[in-house]
Amino acid sequence: METGKPIIRKQAFTAAARRFPDAEFAIRKLMTDSETFRDICEELAEAEWALTSVAETPAALRDARKIEWQELIDRLAAELATVLQEGARSVPKK
């Protein structure tokens, strides 16, 4: 087992749950059941971390990097929203 994997998964879950707090149960289930979903969550967590680190980027590149990371975050969040919506539609209603 990789040493950092539980930490990465926790950060990935936190990144997704922060954006979709009403879907916490679905996120936990998908994190367990779907490697693709888990990968998207991990990428989201990494992109959020990178965005917070933009201040360390040389001034000439800072604005461009900030825009790039924010666009990636927005794209990943949209992917998560799509997966969560599809999952909600596949759950039988009582």
N, C-alpha and C. Protein backbone atom coordinates (compact mmCIF):
# COMPACT_ATOMS: atom_id res chain seq x y z
N MET A 1 0.84 -1.17 0.00
CA MET A 1 0.00 0.00 0.00
C MET A 1 0.89 1.24 0.00
N GLU A 2 0.50 2.21 -0.82
CA GLU A 2 1.27 3.44 -0.90
C GLU A 2 1.03 4.27 0.35
N THR A 3 2.08 4.88 0.85
CA THR A 3 2.00 5.64 2.09
C THR A 3 1.04 6.81 1.99
N GLY A 4 1.07 7.58 0.92
CA GLY A 4 0.27 8.79 0.81
C GLY A 4 -1.14 8.58 0.31
N LYS A 5 -1.51 7.37 -0.10
CA LYS A 5 -2.82 7.14 -0.72
C LYS A 5 -4.00 7.52 0.18
N PRO A 6 -4.04 7.13 1.46
CA PRO A 6 -5.18 7.54 2.29
C PRO A 6 -5.30 9.06 2.42
N ILE A 7 -4.17 9.74 2.47
CA ILE A 7 -4.20 11.20 2.57
C ILE A 7 -4.74 11.79 1.28
N ILE A 8 -4.29 11.28 0.15
CA ILE A 8 -4.76 11.77 -1.15
C ILE A 8 -6.26 11.53 -1.28
N ARG A 9 -6.72 10.36 -0.88
CA ARG A 9 -8.15 10.07 -0.98
C ARG A 9 -8.97 10.98 -0.07
N LYS A 10 -8.45 11.26 1.11
CA LYS A 10 -9.17 12.16 2.01
C LYS A 10 -9.25 13.56 1.42
N GLN A 11 -8.14 14.03 0.86
CA GLN A 11 -8.14 15.35 0.23
C GLN A 11 -9.07 15.37 -0.97
N ALA A 12 -9.10 14.27 -1.73
CA ALA A 12 -9.97 14.18 -2.89
C ALA A 12 -11.44 14.22 -2.46
N PHE A 13 -11.78 13.46 -1.43
CA PHE A 13 -13.14 13.47 -0.92
C PHE A 13 -13.52 14.87 -0.43
N THR A 14 -12.62 15.49 0.32
CA THR A 14 -12.88 16.82 0.87
C THR A 14 -13.11 17.84 -0.24
N ALA A 15 -12.32 17.77 -1.30
CA ALA A 15 -12.48 18.71 -2.42
C ALA A 15 -13.86 18.55 -3.05
N ALA A 16 -14.29 17.32 -3.25
CA ALA A 16 -15.60 17.09 -3.86
C ALA A 16 -16.73 17.46 -2.91
N ALA A 17 -16.61 17.06 -1.66
CA ALA A 17 -17.68 17.34 -0.68
C ALA A 17 -17.83 18.83 -0.40
N ARG A 18 -16.74 19.56 -0.49
CA ARG A 18 -16.81 21.01 -0.28
C ARG A 18 -17.66 21.65 -1.37
N ARG A 19 -17.58 21.14 -2.58
CA ARG A 19 -18.34 21.69 -3.71
C ARG A 19 -19.77 21.16 -3.76
N PHE A 20 -19.96 19.94 -3.26
CA PHE A 20 -21.27 19.29 -3.32
C PHE A 20 -21.64 18.71 -1.96
N PRO A 21 -21.87 19.57 -0.97
CA PRO A 21 -22.10 19.07 0.40
C PRO A 21 -23.36 18.21 0.53
N ASP A 22 -24.35 18.43 -0.31
CA ASP A 22 -25.58 17.64 -0.23
C ASP A 22 -25.40 16.23 -0.83
N ALA A 23 -24.28 16.00 -1.46
CA ALA A 23 -24.04 14.71 -2.12
C ALA A 23 -22.96 13.90 -1.41
N GLU A 24 -22.73 14.17 -0.14
CA GLU A 24 -21.64 13.51 0.57
C GLU A 24 -21.73 11.98 0.51
N PHE A 25 -22.92 11.44 0.71
CA PHE A 25 -23.07 9.98 0.67
C PHE A 25 -22.74 9.43 -0.72
N ALA A 26 -23.26 10.08 -1.76
CA ALA A 26 -22.99 9.64 -3.13
C ALA A 26 -21.50 9.75 -3.45
N ILE A 27 -20.87 10.80 -2.96
CA ILE A 27 -19.43 10.97 -3.20
C ILE A 27 -18.65 9.84 -2.53
N ARG A 28 -19.00 9.53 -1.29
CA ARG A 28 -18.30 8.42 -0.60
C ARG A 28 -18.46 7.11 -1.37
N LYS A 29 -19.67 6.84 -1.84
CA LYS A 29 -19.93 5.60 -2.57
C LYS A 29 -19.15 5.57 -3.88
N LEU A 30 -19.20 6.67 -4.62
CA LEU A 30 -18.49 6.72 -5.89
C LEU A 30 -16.98 6.67 -5.70
N MET A 31 -16.48 7.24 -4.63
CA MET A 31 -15.04 7.17 -4.34
C MET A 31 -14.61 5.71 -4.16
N THR A 32 -15.50 4.91 -3.61
CA THR A 32 -15.22 3.49 -3.41
C THR A 32 -15.42 2.68 -4.68
N ASP A 33 -16.49 3.00 -5.42
CA ASP A 33 -16.91 2.17 -6.55
C ASP A 33 -16.32 2.55 -7.90
N SER A 34 -15.89 3.79 -8.07
CA SER A 34 -15.49 4.26 -9.40
C SER A 34 -14.08 4.86 -9.39
N GLU A 35 -13.19 4.16 -10.04
CA GLU A 35 -11.82 4.67 -10.14
C GLU A 35 -11.79 5.99 -10.93
N THR A 36 -12.63 6.09 -11.94
CA THR A 36 -12.69 7.31 -12.74
C THR A 36 -13.15 8.49 -11.89
N PHE A 37 -14.19 8.30 -11.10
CA PHE A 37 -14.68 9.36 -10.22
C PHE A 37 -13.60 9.75 -9.21
N ARG A 38 -12.97 8.75 -8.64
CA ARG A 38 -11.90 8.99 -7.66
C ARG A 38 -10.76 9.79 -8.30
N ASP A 39 -10.41 9.45 -9.55
CA ASP A 39 -9.36 10.18 -10.25
C ASP A 39 -9.74 11.65 -10.45
N ILE A 40 -10.99 11.89 -10.82
CA ILE A 40 -11.45 13.28 -11.01
C ILE A 40 -11.35 14.04 -9.69
N CYS A 41 -11.77 13.41 -8.61
CA CYS A 41 -11.69 14.06 -7.29
C CYS A 41 -10.24 14.35 -6.91
N GLU A 42 -9.35 13.41 -7.19
CA GLU A 42 -7.94 13.62 -6.88
C GLU A 42 -7.36 14.76 -7.72
N GLU A 43 -7.73 14.81 -8.99
CA GLU A 43 -7.28 15.90 -9.85
C GLU A 43 -7.81 17.24 -9.35
N LEU A 44 -9.06 17.25 -8.89
CA LEU A 44 -9.64 18.48 -8.35
C LEU A 44 -8.85 18.95 -7.13
N ALA A 45 -8.56 18.04 -6.23
CA ALA A 45 -7.80 18.39 -5.02
C ALA A 45 -6.42 18.93 -5.40
N GLU A 46 -5.77 18.29 -6.36
CA GLU A 46 -4.45 18.75 -6.79
C GLU A 46 -4.51 20.12 -7.45
N ALA A 47 -5.54 20.35 -8.26
CA ALA A 47 -5.69 21.64 -8.93
C ALA A 47 -5.99 22.75 -7.92
N GLU A 48 -6.81 22.44 -6.92
CA GLU A 48 -7.09 23.43 -5.88
C GLU A 48 -5.81 23.78 -5.12
N TRP A 49 -5.01 22.76 -4.82
CA TRP A 49 -3.74 23.01 -4.14
C TRP A 49 -2.83 23.88 -5.01
N ALA A 50 -2.77 23.56 -6.30
CA ALA A 50 -1.93 24.34 -7.22
C ALA A 50 -2.39 25.79 -7.28
N LEU A 51 -3.70 26.00 -7.29
CA LEU A 51 -4.22 27.36 -7.32
C LEU A 51 -3.78 28.14 -6.08
N THR A 52 -3.78 27.48 -4.93
CA THR A 52 -3.35 28.18 -3.72
C THR A 52 -1.85 28.47 -3.73
N SER A 53 -1.12 27.76 -4.57
CA SER A 53 0.33 27.94 -4.65
C SER A 53 0.75 28.93 -5.74
N VAL A 54 -0.21 29.49 -6.46
CA VAL A 54 0.11 30.40 -7.56
C VAL A 54 0.91 31.61 -7.07
N ALA A 55 0.71 32.01 -5.84
CA ALA A 55 1.44 33.17 -5.32
C ALA A 55 2.95 32.96 -5.37
N GLU A 56 3.39 31.71 -5.40
CA GLU A 56 4.82 31.40 -5.46
C GLU A 56 5.37 31.43 -6.88
N THR A 57 4.48 31.58 -7.86
CA THR A 57 4.86 31.62 -9.26
C THR A 57 5.46 33.00 -9.58
N PRO A 58 6.43 33.05 -10.47
CA PRO A 58 6.97 34.36 -10.86
C PRO A 58 5.85 35.30 -11.32
N ALA A 59 5.96 36.55 -10.97
CA ALA A 59 4.92 37.55 -11.23
C ALA A 59 4.47 37.58 -12.68
N ALA A 60 5.39 37.40 -13.60
CA ALA A 60 5.05 37.46 -15.03
C ALA A 60 4.11 36.34 -15.45
N LEU A 61 4.12 35.23 -14.73
CA LEU A 61 3.28 34.07 -15.07
C LEU A 61 2.06 33.92 -14.17
N ARG A 62 2.04 34.64 -13.07
CA ARG A 62 1.05 34.42 -12.01
C ARG A 62 -0.40 34.50 -12.52
N ASP A 63 -0.76 35.56 -13.22
CA ASP A 63 -2.14 35.72 -13.66
C ASP A 63 -2.57 34.61 -14.63
N ALA A 64 -1.68 34.28 -15.55
CA ALA A 64 -1.99 33.22 -16.52
C ALA A 64 -2.18 31.88 -15.81
N ARG A 65 -1.31 31.57 -14.88
CA ARG A 65 -1.42 30.30 -14.14
C ARG A 65 -2.69 30.26 -13.31
N LYS A 66 -3.02 31.39 -12.70
CA LYS A 66 -4.24 31.44 -11.89
C LYS A 66 -5.47 31.14 -12.75
N ILE A 67 -5.51 31.73 -13.93
CA ILE A 67 -6.64 31.49 -14.85
C ILE A 67 -6.67 30.03 -15.28
N GLU A 68 -5.51 29.47 -15.63
CA GLU A 68 -5.44 28.07 -16.06
C GLU A 68 -5.94 27.12 -14.98
N TRP A 69 -5.45 27.32 -13.75
CA TRP A 69 -5.86 26.42 -12.65
C TRP A 69 -7.34 26.58 -12.35
N GLN A 70 -7.85 27.81 -12.38
CA GLN A 70 -9.27 28.01 -12.11
C GLN A 70 -10.14 27.37 -13.19
N GLU A 71 -9.72 27.47 -14.44
CA GLU A 71 -10.46 26.82 -15.53
C GLU A 71 -10.47 25.31 -15.36
N LEU A 72 -9.34 24.75 -14.97
CA LEU A 72 -9.28 23.30 -14.73
C LEU A 72 -10.20 22.91 -13.58
N ILE A 73 -10.16 23.67 -12.50
CA ILE A 73 -11.03 23.40 -11.35
C ILE A 73 -12.50 23.44 -11.77
N ASP A 74 -12.87 24.46 -12.52
CA ASP A 74 -14.25 24.59 -12.98
C ASP A 74 -14.66 23.41 -13.86
N ARG A 75 -13.75 22.99 -14.75
CA ARG A 75 -14.04 21.85 -15.63
C ARG A 75 -14.20 20.55 -14.84
N LEU A 76 -13.32 20.33 -13.87
CA LEU A 76 -13.41 19.12 -13.04
C LEU A 76 -14.67 19.13 -12.19
N ALA A 77 -15.02 20.28 -11.63
CA ALA A 77 -16.25 20.39 -10.84
C ALA A 77 -17.47 20.10 -11.70
N ALA A 78 -17.46 20.55 -12.95
CA ALA A 78 -18.57 20.27 -13.86
C ALA A 78 -18.66 18.77 -14.15
N GLU A 79 -17.51 18.12 -14.32
CA GLU A 79 -17.51 16.67 -14.53
C GLU A 79 -18.09 15.94 -13.33
N LEU A 80 -17.71 16.36 -12.13
CA LEU A 80 -18.24 15.75 -10.92
C LEU A 80 -19.74 15.96 -10.84
N ALA A 81 -20.20 17.16 -11.15
CA ALA A 81 -21.64 17.45 -11.11
C ALA A 81 -22.39 16.53 -12.06
N THR A 82 -21.85 16.31 -13.24
CA THR A 82 -22.49 15.43 -14.23
C THR A 82 -22.58 14.01 -13.70
N VAL A 83 -21.49 13.50 -13.15
CA VAL A 83 -21.50 12.13 -12.62
C VAL A 83 -22.49 12.02 -11.47
N LEU A 84 -22.51 13.00 -10.59
CA LEU A 84 -23.44 12.97 -9.45
C LEU A 84 -24.89 13.04 -9.92
N GLN A 85 -25.16 13.85 -10.93
CA GLN A 85 -26.53 13.94 -11.46
C GLN A 85 -26.94 12.63 -12.13
N GLU A 86 -26.03 12.03 -12.87
CA GLU A 86 -26.33 10.75 -13.52
C GLU A 86 -26.58 9.67 -12.46
N GLY A 87 -25.80 9.70 -11.40
CA GLY A 87 -25.99 8.75 -10.32
C GLY A 87 -27.33 8.93 -9.63
N ALA A 88 -27.75 10.17 -9.45
CA ALA A 88 -29.04 10.45 -8.82
C ALA A 88 -30.18 9.95 -9.69
N ARG A 89 -30.03 10.06 -11.01
CA ARG A 89 -31.08 9.57 -11.91
C ARG A 89 -31.15 8.06 -11.95
N SER A 90 -30.04 7.38 -11.66
CA SER A 90 -30.03 5.92 -11.74
C SER A 90 -30.53 5.27 -10.44
N VAL A 91 -30.72 6.07 -9.38
CA VAL A 91 -31.23 5.53 -8.12
C VAL A 91 -32.74 5.44 -8.20
N PRO A 92 -33.29 4.25 -7.96
CA PRO A 92 -34.76 4.14 -8.02
C PRO A 92 -35.43 4.99 -6.94
N LYS A 93 -36.52 5.63 -7.32
CA LYS A 93 -37.28 6.45 -6.37
C LYS A 93 -38.22 5.55 -5.60
N LYS A 94 -38.42 5.85 -4.32
CA LYS A 94 -39.32 5.05 -3.48
C LYS A 94 -40.70 5.61 -3.53
